[in-house]
Amino acid sequence: MNIQPTGANADTATELGRAPFNIGEFGMSTMLNISNDLTPSTFLLRRPVAVPGNRTVAFAIKRAFDVVVASILILLLSPVLIGVALAVKLTSRGPVLFTQRRWGRGNTPFRVYKFRSMFVELEDKTGISHTVANDPRVTPVGRFIRRSSLDELPQLFNVLKGDMSLVGPRAHVLGMHAAGVRYEDLVPEYFARHSVRPGITGLAQVRGLRGEIGDATHARARVASDLEYIRSFSLLADIRILLQTVPAVLLGRAAY
């Protein structure tokens, strides 16, 4: 399947001087059985960043960093983990943890762990229904842990298992919708974001691109940030994003 812009979109792309987005740089074209050249029909990647040369060594270092930092955080935050688990268990019926199938590296689904923040009878296991402001499905405790992102802490165990990274594109549910359509139908290069492990936090999140998806522009901006992160990845960038996550969490940006 070779997707190329036509008509006005092609003219716009030429005027902007955008080169085709080369999905082959992520090593995904063979797996997905599609052409390497995918030129976005919208203002998605105007200035693609060159992929670093030695990816294997870089990502091996990233993995070691993930394991060390996740282990330290689990030890340091163990009182918080226990406290949140007790609060969830004592204030609403159901399990402490919520698990859900999400897209992982190489388009391989895995089960993500989160503290349960919704009433069990109102949960959407598919995850297709986005959480919105004042969502009636969210418990009182759930509202607090979502706002503070404490519900994400069990994902540190996903990092140790190798399903996730501390930093990377957010793990989306299978069949996720954006602007009323499936994400992959809205953004042709959507699956390229799965060429790396999903992250607990990421470039899109620190830019405020989280929470409810209001429109197609917002959805495309998320994927653009994910792909920008992959192309420009470095351990220093990961550390910078982790540090930027702290104020984002404290301010509760777009977290419902």
Protein backbone atom coordinates (compact mmCIF):
# COMPACT_ATOMS: atom_id res chain seq x y z
CA MET A 1 0.00 0.00 0.00
CA ASN A 2 1.71 3.15 -1.19
CA ILE A 3 0.09 6.29 0.19
CA GLN A 4 0.91 9.47 -1.70
CA PRO A 5 -0.68 12.94 -1.55
CA THR A 6 -2.81 13.99 -4.50
CA GLY A 7 -4.29 17.24 -5.73
CA ALA A 8 -4.15 20.15 -3.33
CA ASN A 9 -2.39 18.08 -0.66
CA ALA A 10 0.48 17.27 -3.00
CA ASP A 11 0.83 20.91 -3.98
CA THR A 12 0.85 21.95 -0.33
CA ALA A 13 3.54 19.40 0.46
CA THR A 14 5.68 20.68 -2.41
CA GLU A 15 5.26 24.29 -1.32
CA LEU A 16 6.34 23.46 2.22
CA GLY A 17 9.35 21.53 0.96
CA ARG A 18 8.59 18.45 3.04
CA ALA A 19 10.40 15.27 2.09
CA PRO A 20 8.41 11.99 2.22
CA PHE A 21 8.30 10.41 5.67
CA ASN A 22 10.49 7.30 5.42
CA ILE A 23 8.92 4.66 7.66
CA GLY A 24 11.74 2.30 6.68
CA GLU A 25 14.01 4.27 9.00
CA PHE A 26 12.11 2.74 11.89
CA GLY A 27 12.52 -0.80 10.52
CA MET A 28 8.74 -1.14 10.29
CA SER A 29 8.08 -1.34 6.54
CA THR A 30 8.87 -5.06 6.25
CA MET A 31 6.77 -5.99 9.26
CA LEU A 32 3.82 -3.90 8.11
CA ASN A 33 4.26 -4.88 4.44
CA ILE A 34 3.90 -1.33 3.19
CA SER A 35 5.94 1.11 1.17
CA ASN A 36 8.76 3.02 2.83
CA ASP A 37 7.49 6.38 1.57
CA LEU A 38 4.57 7.86 3.47
CA THR A 39 4.02 11.54 2.90
CA PRO A 40 1.59 12.96 5.46
CA SER A 41 -1.36 14.81 3.97
CA THR A 42 -1.25 17.31 6.83
CA PHE A 43 1.38 19.45 8.54
CA LEU A 44 2.80 16.50 10.48
CA LEU A 45 6.56 16.26 10.04
CA ARG A 46 7.86 19.38 8.35
CA ARG A 47 11.50 18.87 9.27
CA PRO A 48 12.18 15.18 9.97
CA VAL A 49 15.17 14.57 12.20
CA ALA A 50 17.80 12.14 10.94
CA VAL A 51 17.79 8.78 12.70
CA PRO A 52 20.90 8.26 14.87
CA GLY A 53 23.39 5.83 13.39
CA ASN A 54 24.04 3.30 16.15
CA ARG A 55 20.53 2.51 17.34
CA THR A 56 21.39 -0.86 18.88
CA VAL A 57 23.88 0.52 21.39
CA ALA A 58 21.71 3.56 22.14
CA PHE A 59 18.66 1.48 22.93
CA ALA A 60 20.69 -1.02 24.97
CA ILE A 61 21.83 1.88 27.15
CA LYS A 62 18.25 3.13 27.31
CA ARG A 63 17.07 -0.30 28.49
CA ALA A 64 19.72 -0.46 31.22
CA PHE A 65 18.75 3.04 32.34
CA ASP A 66 15.07 2.01 32.45
CA VAL A 67 15.73 -1.04 34.62
CA VAL A 68 17.95 0.80 37.10
CA VAL A 69 15.69 3.85 37.47
CA ALA A 70 12.46 1.82 37.60
CA SER A 71 13.93 -0.42 40.34
CA ILE A 72 15.01 2.59 42.39
CA LEU A 73 11.62 4.28 41.98
CA ILE A 74 9.74 1.15 43.06
CA LEU A 75 11.84 0.98 46.23
CA LEU A 76 11.53 4.68 47.01
CA LEU A 77 7.82 4.85 46.20
CA SER A 78 6.82 1.57 47.88
CA PRO A 79 4.97 3.40 50.72
CA VAL A 80 3.03 5.38 48.11
CA LEU A 81 2.25 2.22 46.13
CA ILE A 82 0.94 0.49 49.26
CA GLY A 83 -1.05 3.57 50.33
CA VAL A 84 -2.75 3.97 46.96
CA ALA A 85 -3.50 0.24 46.79
CA LEU A 86 -5.21 0.40 50.20
CA ALA A 87 -7.17 3.52 49.26
CA VAL A 88 -8.46 1.91 46.06
CA LYS A 89 -9.38 -1.35 47.82
CA LEU A 90 -11.12 0.23 50.83
CA THR A 91 -13.20 2.81 48.98
CA SER A 92 -14.77 0.89 46.09
CA ARG A 93 -15.62 -2.66 45.10
CA GLY A 94 -13.24 -4.45 42.77
CA PRO A 95 -9.57 -5.27 42.26
CA VAL A 96 -6.76 -2.89 43.08
CA LEU A 97 -5.19 -3.12 39.65
CA PHE A 98 -6.72 -2.48 36.26
CA THR A 99 -5.16 -4.31 33.31
CA GLN A 100 -5.77 -3.67 29.65
CA ARG A 101 -4.32 -4.78 26.32
CA ARG A 102 -2.25 -2.04 24.71
CA TRP A 103 -0.04 -1.78 21.65
CA GLY A 104 3.61 -2.56 22.41
CA ARG A 105 6.83 -2.54 20.46
CA GLY A 106 6.58 -4.16 17.05
CA ASN A 107 2.76 -4.01 17.15
CA THR A 108 2.78 -6.74 19.80
CA PRO A 109 -0.01 -6.29 22.38
CA PHE A 110 0.79 -6.50 26.09
CA ARG A 111 -1.12 -6.00 29.33
CA VAL A 112 -0.54 -2.65 30.98
CA TYR A 113 -0.92 -2.26 34.75
CA LYS A 114 -2.63 0.70 36.39
CA PHE A 115 -4.32 1.35 39.71
CA ARG A 116 -8.06 1.01 39.16
CA SER A 117 -9.65 4.45 39.04
CA MET A 118 -13.18 3.60 37.85
CA PHE A 119 -16.20 1.78 39.24
CA VAL A 120 -15.88 -1.81 38.03
CA GLU A 121 -19.42 -1.90 36.63
CA LEU A 122 -18.74 1.19 34.50
CA GLU A 123 -15.27 0.31 33.20
CA ASP A 124 -14.67 0.20 29.46
CA LYS A 125 -12.20 -2.66 29.05
CA THR A 126 -11.72 -1.80 25.38
CA GLY A 127 -10.50 1.70 26.29
CA ILE A 128 -12.13 3.14 23.17
CA SER A 129 -14.30 5.50 25.22
CA HIS A 130 -12.00 8.34 26.24
CA THR A 131 -12.11 9.65 29.80
CA VAL A 132 -13.48 13.19 29.91
CA ALA A 133 -13.67 15.92 32.53
CA ASN A 134 -16.04 15.01 35.40
CA ASP A 135 -16.41 11.50 34.00
CA PRO A 136 -19.05 9.69 36.12
CA ARG A 137 -17.20 6.39 35.73
CA VAL A 138 -14.29 7.65 37.86
CA THR A 139 -14.33 7.01 41.61
CA PRO A 140 -13.49 9.80 44.13
CA VAL A 141 -10.12 8.19 44.85
CA GLY A 142 -9.70 7.54 41.15
CA ARG A 143 -10.17 11.21 40.39
CA PHE A 144 -7.28 12.09 42.70
CA ILE A 145 -4.88 9.42 41.49
CA ARG A 146 -5.62 10.24 37.86
CA ARG A 147 -5.12 13.95 38.44
CA SER A 148 -1.80 13.25 40.18
CA SER A 149 -0.89 10.42 37.76
CA LEU A 150 -0.43 8.04 40.69
CA ASP A 151 -2.59 5.54 38.80
CA GLU A 152 0.34 5.13 36.38
CA LEU A 153 2.86 3.95 39.00
CA PRO A 154 2.25 0.19 38.50
CA GLN A 155 3.60 0.65 34.99
CA LEU A 156 7.04 0.68 36.59
CA PHE A 157 6.60 -3.11 36.77
CA ASN A 158 5.79 -3.11 33.04
CA VAL A 159 9.15 -1.38 32.57
CA LEU A 160 10.96 -4.10 34.54
CA LYS A 161 9.19 -6.79 32.48
CA GLY A 162 10.41 -5.16 29.28
CA ASP A 163 6.96 -4.25 27.98
CA MET A 164 7.50 -0.53 28.45
CA SER A 165 10.14 2.15 28.83
CA LEU A 166 10.19 5.12 31.18
CA VAL A 167 10.00 7.42 28.15
CA GLY A 168 8.40 6.75 24.79
CA PRO A 169 5.14 7.04 22.88
CA ARG A 170 2.12 6.48 25.09
CA ALA A 171 0.73 2.94 25.00
CA HIS A 172 -2.61 3.11 23.18
CA VAL A 173 -5.42 0.59 23.39
CA LEU A 174 -6.04 -1.63 20.40
CA GLY A 175 -8.52 0.01 18.03
CA MET A 176 -8.16 3.43 19.64
CA HIS A 177 -10.30 6.14 18.08
CA ALA A 178 -9.46 9.79 17.52
CA ALA A 179 -11.83 12.42 16.14
CA GLY A 180 -14.44 9.69 15.65
CA VAL A 181 -12.32 7.32 13.51
CA ARG A 182 -9.66 4.70 14.13
CA TYR A 183 -6.31 6.34 14.78
CA GLU A 184 -4.56 4.46 11.96
CA ASP A 185 -7.20 5.67 9.49
CA LEU A 186 -6.71 9.26 10.58
CA VAL A 187 -2.88 9.14 10.61
CA PRO A 188 -1.41 6.77 7.97
CA GLU A 189 1.98 6.52 9.73
CA TYR A 190 0.38 5.76 13.11
CA PHE A 191 1.93 2.28 13.49
CA ALA A 192 5.46 3.67 13.09
CA ARG A 193 5.17 4.87 16.70
CA HIS A 194 5.27 1.20 17.75
CA SER A 195 8.85 0.75 16.57
CA VAL A 196 9.99 1.40 20.16
CA ARG A 197 8.70 0.43 23.59
CA PRO A 198 5.82 2.63 24.78
CA GLY A 199 6.61 4.93 27.68
CA ILE A 200 5.07 5.94 30.98
CA THR A 201 5.73 9.50 29.88
CA GLY A 202 6.83 11.01 26.62
CA LEU A 203 7.42 14.07 24.49
CA ALA A 204 3.72 14.42 23.64
CA GLN A 205 2.77 14.31 27.31
CA VAL A 206 5.19 17.02 28.46
CA ARG A 207 3.92 19.17 25.59
CA GLY A 208 0.45 18.93 27.08
CA LEU A 209 -0.87 16.56 24.41
CA ARG A 210 -2.69 14.18 26.73
CA GLY A 211 -6.20 13.71 28.05
CA GLU A 212 -9.29 14.02 25.89
CA ILE A 213 -8.67 14.25 22.14
CA GLY A 214 -10.63 17.26 20.96
CA ASP A 215 -10.09 17.08 17.21
CA ALA A 216 -8.03 15.61 14.37
CA THR A 217 -5.35 18.30 14.71
CA HIS A 218 -4.75 17.32 18.34
CA ALA A 219 -4.58 13.63 17.40
CA ARG A 220 -2.08 14.24 14.60
CA ALA A 221 0.04 16.44 16.86
CA ARG A 222 0.36 13.56 19.32
CA VAL A 223 1.66 11.18 16.68
CA ALA A 224 3.94 13.88 15.27
CA SER A 225 5.52 14.30 18.71
CA ASP A 226 5.91 10.52 19.10
CA LEU A 227 7.69 10.20 15.76
CA GLU A 228 9.85 13.24 16.48
CA TYR A 229 10.93 11.58 19.73
CA ILE A 230 11.84 8.33 17.96
CA ARG A 231 13.88 10.08 15.29
CA SER A 232 15.78 12.31 17.70
CA PHE A 233 16.12 9.85 20.58
CA SER A 234 19.00 10.16 23.05
CA LEU A 235 19.46 9.27 26.70
CA LEU A 236 19.86 12.96 27.46
CA ALA A 237 16.48 13.63 25.83
CA ASP A 238 14.93 10.92 28.02
CA ILE A 239 16.34 12.52 31.16
CA ARG A 240 15.10 15.93 30.04
CA ILE A 241 11.58 14.56 29.44
CA LEU A 242 11.55 12.82 32.82
CA LEU A 243 12.48 16.10 34.53
CA GLN A 244 9.82 17.99 32.56
CA THR A 245 7.26 15.37 33.60
CA VAL A 246 7.51 16.41 37.26
CA PRO A 247 5.95 19.87 36.87
CA ALA A 248 3.46 18.49 34.34
CA VAL A 249 2.29 15.94 36.94
CA LEU A 250 2.18 18.50 39.75
CA LEU A 251 0.03 20.79 37.63
CA GLY A 252 -2.21 17.91 36.57
CA ARG A 253 -2.26 19.05 32.94
CA ALA A 254 -5.24 17.55 31.08
CA ALA A 255 -5.42 14.61 33.47
CA TYR A 256 -8.95 13.41 34.20
